[in-house]
Amino acid sequence: MPSHIVGVLEEYDGGHVWELGFLCRQETTVRDRLWILERVHDDATLHRERYDNGMAASHLTMLENAVSERVLTWRDAGELFEAVESLP
């Protein structure tokens, strides 16, 4: 079993609903090791457009609540690299 699992989220286009649901289902086996790096968009319209999937959003909310302080946000590639460097 790995010591850390890192999910990097930029949008919900594609199969992310299934993958987020899988992470939710795995309970503490995965969640105790999970870090989420979530992209946020300064433009609210763009943010809604990129994350416009109710099922994926509900899975992500459940994961964010489960891992709490292990959710890091980023806005551009520079912030993503900073977030990755801050992982233990």
N, C-alpha and C. Protein backbone atom coordinates (compact mmCIF):
# COMPACT_ATOMS: atom_id res chain seq x y z
N MET A 1 0.85 -1.18 0.00
CA MET A 1 0.00 0.00 0.00
C MET A 1 0.90 1.24 0.00
N PRO A 2 0.63 2.20 -0.88
CA PRO A 2 1.44 3.42 -0.93
C PRO A 2 1.23 4.27 0.33
N SER A 3 2.22 5.10 0.63
CA SER A 3 2.10 5.98 1.79
C SER A 3 1.28 7.22 1.48
N HIS A 4 1.24 7.66 0.20
CA HIS A 4 0.49 8.84 -0.21
C HIS A 4 -0.21 8.57 -1.54
N ILE A 5 -1.42 9.07 -1.66
CA ILE A 5 -2.18 9.04 -2.90
C ILE A 5 -2.57 10.48 -3.18
N VAL A 6 -2.27 10.97 -4.37
CA VAL A 6 -2.54 12.37 -4.70
C VAL A 6 -3.45 12.45 -5.90
N GLY A 7 -4.60 13.08 -5.72
CA GLY A 7 -5.52 13.34 -6.82
C GLY A 7 -5.37 14.78 -7.26
N VAL A 8 -5.11 15.00 -8.54
CA VAL A 8 -4.98 16.35 -9.09
C VAL A 8 -6.21 16.60 -9.95
N LEU A 9 -7.02 17.58 -9.56
CA LEU A 9 -8.26 17.87 -10.26
C LEU A 9 -8.18 19.22 -10.96
N GLU A 10 -8.52 19.21 -12.24
CA GLU A 10 -8.52 20.45 -13.02
C GLU A 10 -9.91 20.73 -13.58
N GLU A 11 -10.65 19.68 -13.86
CA GLU A 11 -12.00 19.81 -14.39
C GLU A 11 -12.69 18.47 -14.24
N TYR A 12 -13.97 18.40 -14.61
CA TYR A 12 -14.72 17.15 -14.52
C TYR A 12 -15.00 16.55 -15.89
N ASP A 13 -14.32 16.98 -16.92
CA ASP A 13 -14.55 16.46 -18.26
C ASP A 13 -13.94 15.06 -18.36
N GLY A 14 -14.74 14.09 -18.73
CA GLY A 14 -14.21 12.74 -18.88
C GLY A 14 -14.73 11.81 -17.81
N GLY A 15 -13.92 10.84 -17.39
CA GLY A 15 -14.35 9.79 -16.48
C GLY A 15 -14.13 10.08 -15.02
N HIS A 16 -14.02 11.34 -14.66
CA HIS A 16 -13.69 11.67 -13.27
C HIS A 16 -14.77 11.28 -12.28
N VAL A 17 -16.03 11.20 -12.73
CA VAL A 17 -17.10 10.84 -11.81
C VAL A 17 -16.85 9.44 -11.26
N TRP A 18 -16.51 8.51 -12.13
CA TRP A 18 -16.24 7.15 -11.69
C TRP A 18 -15.05 7.12 -10.75
N GLU A 19 -13.97 7.82 -11.11
CA GLU A 19 -12.76 7.80 -10.29
C GLU A 19 -12.99 8.43 -8.93
N LEU A 20 -13.71 9.55 -8.88
CA LEU A 20 -14.02 10.16 -7.59
C LEU A 20 -14.91 9.24 -6.76
N GLY A 21 -15.86 8.59 -7.41
CA GLY A 21 -16.71 7.64 -6.70
C GLY A 21 -15.91 6.47 -6.15
N PHE A 22 -14.93 6.00 -6.90
CA PHE A 22 -14.06 4.92 -6.43
C PHE A 22 -13.30 5.35 -5.19
N LEU A 23 -12.76 6.59 -5.21
CA LEU A 23 -12.04 7.08 -4.03
C LEU A 23 -12.96 7.19 -2.83
N CYS A 24 -14.19 7.62 -3.05
CA CYS A 24 -15.16 7.71 -1.94
C CYS A 24 -15.45 6.32 -1.38
N ARG A 25 -15.59 5.34 -2.25
CA ARG A 25 -15.95 3.98 -1.85
C ARG A 25 -14.85 3.31 -1.04
N GLN A 26 -13.62 3.66 -1.28
CA GLN A 26 -12.51 2.95 -0.65
C GLN A 26 -12.34 3.27 0.83
N GLU A 27 -13.12 4.18 1.34
CA GLU A 27 -13.10 4.53 2.75
C GLU A 27 -11.67 4.77 3.25
N THR A 28 -11.35 4.33 4.42
CA THR A 28 -10.07 4.71 5.01
C THR A 28 -8.87 4.08 4.33
N THR A 29 -9.05 3.00 3.59
CA THR A 29 -7.93 2.38 2.89
C THR A 29 -7.21 3.40 2.01
N VAL A 30 -7.97 4.21 1.33
CA VAL A 30 -7.42 5.23 0.45
C VAL A 30 -7.45 6.60 1.11
N ARG A 31 -8.56 6.94 1.72
CA ARG A 31 -8.73 8.30 2.24
C ARG A 31 -7.71 8.69 3.30
N ASP A 32 -7.21 7.76 4.08
CA ASP A 32 -6.21 8.10 5.09
C ASP A 32 -4.89 8.53 4.46
N ARG A 33 -4.70 8.21 3.19
CA ARG A 33 -3.45 8.54 2.49
C ARG A 33 -3.66 9.58 1.39
N LEU A 34 -4.91 10.04 1.21
CA LEU A 34 -5.28 10.88 0.08
C LEU A 34 -5.01 12.36 0.32
N TRP A 35 -4.39 12.98 -0.66
CA TRP A 35 -4.24 14.43 -0.76
C TRP A 35 -4.93 14.86 -2.04
N ILE A 36 -5.65 15.97 -2.02
CA ILE A 36 -6.33 16.48 -3.21
C ILE A 36 -5.71 17.82 -3.59
N LEU A 37 -5.28 17.93 -4.82
CA LEU A 37 -4.79 19.19 -5.38
C LEU A 37 -5.84 19.65 -6.38
N GLU A 38 -6.62 20.66 -6.00
CA GLU A 38 -7.78 21.08 -6.78
C GLU A 38 -7.54 22.45 -7.41
N ARG A 39 -7.74 22.50 -8.73
CA ARG A 39 -7.60 23.77 -9.42
C ARG A 39 -8.83 24.62 -9.17
N VAL A 40 -8.61 25.89 -8.84
CA VAL A 40 -9.69 26.85 -8.72
C VAL A 40 -9.49 27.91 -9.80
N HIS A 41 -10.58 28.36 -10.35
CA HIS A 41 -10.53 29.37 -11.41
C HIS A 41 -11.06 30.69 -10.84
N ASP A 42 -10.34 31.77 -11.07
CA ASP A 42 -10.76 33.07 -10.55
C ASP A 42 -12.08 33.53 -11.18
N ASP A 43 -12.32 33.16 -12.41
CA ASP A 43 -13.55 33.51 -13.11
C ASP A 43 -14.64 32.50 -12.72
N ALA A 44 -15.68 32.97 -12.04
CA ALA A 44 -16.73 32.08 -11.53
C ALA A 44 -17.44 31.33 -12.65
N THR A 45 -17.65 31.97 -13.80
CA THR A 45 -18.31 31.31 -14.92
C THR A 45 -17.45 30.16 -15.44
N LEU A 46 -16.17 30.41 -15.60
CA LEU A 46 -15.25 29.37 -16.06
C LEU A 46 -15.19 28.23 -15.05
N HIS A 47 -15.15 28.58 -13.77
CA HIS A 47 -15.09 27.55 -12.72
C HIS A 47 -16.31 26.65 -12.79
N ARG A 48 -17.51 27.24 -12.92
CA ARG A 48 -18.74 26.45 -13.03
C ARG A 48 -18.70 25.58 -14.28
N GLU A 49 -18.22 26.14 -15.39
CA GLU A 49 -18.15 25.40 -16.65
C GLU A 49 -17.24 24.18 -16.52
N ARG A 50 -16.09 24.35 -15.88
CA ARG A 50 -15.14 23.25 -15.75
C ARG A 50 -15.59 22.18 -14.76
N TYR A 51 -16.38 22.59 -13.77
CA TYR A 51 -16.82 21.65 -12.73
C TYR A 51 -18.33 21.42 -12.75
N ASP A 52 -18.92 21.50 -13.95
CA ASP A 52 -20.37 21.37 -14.09
C ASP A 52 -20.78 19.90 -14.20
N ASN A 53 -20.77 19.22 -13.07
CA ASN A 53 -21.22 17.84 -13.00
C ASN A 53 -21.63 17.57 -11.55
N GLY A 54 -22.92 17.50 -11.33
CA GLY A 54 -23.42 17.38 -9.96
C GLY A 54 -22.92 16.16 -9.21
N MET A 55 -22.84 15.01 -9.90
CA MET A 55 -22.39 13.80 -9.22
C MET A 55 -20.92 13.91 -8.84
N ALA A 56 -20.09 14.40 -9.77
CA ALA A 56 -18.67 14.57 -9.46
C ALA A 56 -18.49 15.57 -8.32
N ALA A 57 -19.28 16.65 -8.35
CA ALA A 57 -19.18 17.66 -7.29
C ALA A 57 -19.54 17.08 -5.93
N SER A 58 -20.56 16.23 -5.89
CA SER A 58 -20.94 15.64 -4.60
C SER A 58 -19.87 14.68 -4.10
N HIS A 59 -19.25 13.91 -5.01
CA HIS A 59 -18.15 13.03 -4.61
C HIS A 59 -16.98 13.85 -4.07
N LEU A 60 -16.64 14.93 -4.78
CA LEU A 60 -15.52 15.75 -4.35
C LEU A 60 -15.80 16.39 -2.99
N THR A 61 -17.00 16.87 -2.78
CA THR A 61 -17.35 17.47 -1.48
C THR A 61 -17.18 16.45 -0.37
N MET A 62 -17.62 15.22 -0.60
CA MET A 62 -17.47 14.17 0.41
C MET A 62 -15.99 13.90 0.68
N LEU A 63 -15.18 13.84 -0.39
CA LEU A 63 -13.75 13.61 -0.20
C LEU A 63 -13.09 14.77 0.52
N GLU A 64 -13.44 16.01 0.14
CA GLU A 64 -12.86 17.19 0.81
C GLU A 64 -13.19 17.18 2.30
N ASN A 65 -14.40 16.80 2.65
CA ASN A 65 -14.77 16.72 4.06
C ASN A 65 -14.00 15.61 4.77
N ALA A 66 -13.74 14.52 4.08
CA ALA A 66 -13.04 13.39 4.69
C ALA A 66 -11.56 13.67 4.91
N VAL A 67 -10.93 14.39 3.97
CA VAL A 67 -9.48 14.60 4.09
C VAL A 67 -9.14 15.99 4.62
N SER A 68 -10.11 16.85 4.76
CA SER A 68 -10.04 18.22 5.29
C SER A 68 -8.75 18.96 4.99
N GLU A 69 -7.78 18.95 5.87
CA GLU A 69 -6.58 19.78 5.72
C GLU A 69 -5.66 19.28 4.61
N ARG A 70 -5.97 18.16 4.00
CA ARG A 70 -5.13 17.65 2.91
C ARG A 70 -5.67 18.02 1.53
N VAL A 71 -6.43 19.12 1.46
CA VAL A 71 -6.89 19.67 0.18
C VAL A 71 -6.08 20.93 -0.07
N LEU A 72 -5.35 20.93 -1.17
CA LEU A 72 -4.55 22.10 -1.56
C LEU A 72 -5.11 22.63 -2.88
N THR A 73 -5.20 23.95 -2.99
CA THR A 73 -5.74 24.53 -4.22
C THR A 73 -4.63 25.19 -5.02
N TRP A 74 -4.86 25.30 -6.32
CA TRP A 74 -3.90 25.92 -7.21
C TRP A 74 -4.66 26.61 -8.35
N ARG A 75 -4.04 27.66 -8.93
CA ARG A 75 -4.66 28.42 -10.01
C ARG A 75 -3.92 28.31 -11.34
N ASP A 76 -2.63 28.05 -11.29
CA ASP A 76 -1.83 27.96 -12.51
C ASP A 76 -0.71 26.96 -12.27
N ALA A 77 0.07 26.71 -13.31
CA ALA A 77 1.13 25.69 -13.21
C ALA A 77 2.11 25.99 -12.08
N GLY A 78 2.45 27.26 -11.88
CA GLY A 78 3.37 27.62 -10.81
C GLY A 78 2.83 27.24 -9.45
N GLU A 79 1.55 27.53 -9.21
CA GLU A 79 0.94 27.17 -7.93
C GLU A 79 0.80 25.66 -7.79
N LEU A 80 0.56 24.96 -8.91
CA LEU A 80 0.49 23.50 -8.85
C LEU A 80 1.83 22.93 -8.39
N PHE A 81 2.93 23.43 -8.97
CA PHE A 81 4.24 22.94 -8.56
C PHE A 81 4.53 23.26 -7.09
N GLU A 82 4.11 24.43 -6.62
CA GLU A 82 4.27 24.78 -5.21
C GLU A 82 3.47 23.82 -4.32
N ALA A 83 2.24 23.51 -4.74
CA ALA A 83 1.41 22.59 -3.96
C ALA A 83 2.06 21.22 -3.90
N VAL A 84 2.59 20.75 -5.02
CA VAL A 84 3.25 19.45 -5.04
C VAL A 84 4.46 19.46 -4.11
N GLU A 85 5.22 20.54 -4.13
CA GLU A 85 6.41 20.63 -3.26
C GLU A 85 6.04 20.67 -1.79
N SER A 86 4.81 21.11 -1.47
CA SER A 86 4.42 21.18 -0.06
C SER A 86 3.89 19.85 0.47
N LEU A 87 3.71 18.86 -0.40
CA LEU A 87 3.29 17.54 0.07
C LEU A 87 4.39 16.93 0.96
N PRO A 88 4.00 16.21 1.99
CA PRO A 88 5.02 15.61 2.86
C PRO A 88 5.77 14.49 2.15
